[in-house]
Protein backbone atom coordinates (compact mmCIF):
# COMPACT_ATOMS: atom_id res chain seq x y z
CA MET A 1 42.75 -45.14 -14.78
CA ASP A 2 43.49 -48.76 -13.89
CA VAL A 3 47.14 -47.85 -13.24
CA LEU A 4 46.09 -45.04 -10.92
CA TRP A 5 43.79 -47.37 -8.95
CA LEU A 6 46.58 -49.92 -8.64
CA ALA A 7 49.06 -47.27 -7.48
CA SER A 8 46.59 -45.83 -4.98
CA TYR A 9 45.92 -49.29 -3.55
CA PHE A 10 49.59 -50.01 -2.85
CA THR A 11 50.24 -46.45 -1.68
CA ALA A 12 47.35 -46.68 0.77
CA ASN A 13 48.70 -49.98 2.10
CA LEU A 14 52.15 -48.48 2.62
CA MET A 15 50.78 -45.30 4.20
CA GLY A 16 48.38 -47.29 6.37
CA THR A 17 51.22 -48.33 8.63
CA GLN A 18 51.77 -44.71 9.71
CA ILE A 19 48.47 -42.95 8.97
CA LYS A 20 45.04 -44.05 10.15
CA ASN A 21 41.92 -43.87 7.97
CA ILE A 22 43.68 -43.84 4.60
CA SER A 23 42.09 -45.68 1.70
CA PRO A 24 42.59 -45.94 -2.06
CA GLU A 25 39.28 -44.08 -2.54
CA LYS A 26 40.59 -41.10 -0.58
CA LEU A 27 43.77 -41.03 -2.66
CA MET A 28 41.83 -41.30 -5.95
CA GLU A 29 39.31 -38.58 -5.06
CA PRO A 30 41.08 -35.77 -7.00
CA PHE A 31 41.28 -37.90 -10.14
CA LEU A 32 37.67 -39.10 -10.26
CA PRO A 33 35.13 -37.10 -12.27
CA LYS A 34 32.61 -35.10 -10.21
CA LYS A 35 28.94 -36.02 -10.59
CA SER A 36 26.45 -33.28 -11.14
CA LYS A 37 23.32 -32.93 -9.03
CA GLU A 38 21.15 -34.30 -11.85
CA GLU A 39 23.38 -37.35 -12.31
CA LYS A 40 23.17 -38.10 -8.59
CA GLU A 41 19.37 -37.81 -8.62
CA THR A 42 18.94 -40.07 -11.63
CA GLU A 43 21.34 -42.61 -10.13
CA ARG A 44 19.37 -42.55 -6.88
CA GLU A 45 16.05 -43.02 -8.71
CA GLU A 46 17.40 -45.95 -10.74
CA PHE A 47 18.71 -47.59 -7.57
CA PHE A 48 15.36 -47.38 -5.80
CA LYS A 49 13.46 -48.60 -8.87
CA SER A 50 15.66 -51.69 -9.12
CA PHE A 51 15.57 -52.19 -5.31
CA TYR A 52 11.77 -52.18 -5.17
CA ALA A 53 11.50 -54.38 -8.26
CA LYS A 54 13.76 -56.99 -6.65
CA ARG A 55 11.80 -56.68 -3.43
CA LYS A 56 8.52 -57.42 -5.24
CA GLU A 57 10.14 -60.44 -6.93
CA GLY A 58 11.24 -61.71 -3.54
CA ASN A 59 7.79 -61.27 -2.06
CA ALA A 60 6.24 -63.16 -4.96
CA TRP A 61 8.24 -66.28 -4.04
CA GLN A 62 7.09 -66.35 -0.42
CA PRO A 63 4.10 -68.62 0.33
């Protein structure tokens, strides 16, 4: 997978001179595993839990 990312990075740089809006992520899209709806929801929930926990920690430090 690391080799594919490296190749897509350099390919995107070479193609970027002729094609607009090309990125390594766009080139790697067919090779990346697709996330299911449940995985996306759990990832979203975990993100917001950690976000609000950090926010509460930040508010605790303010006078």
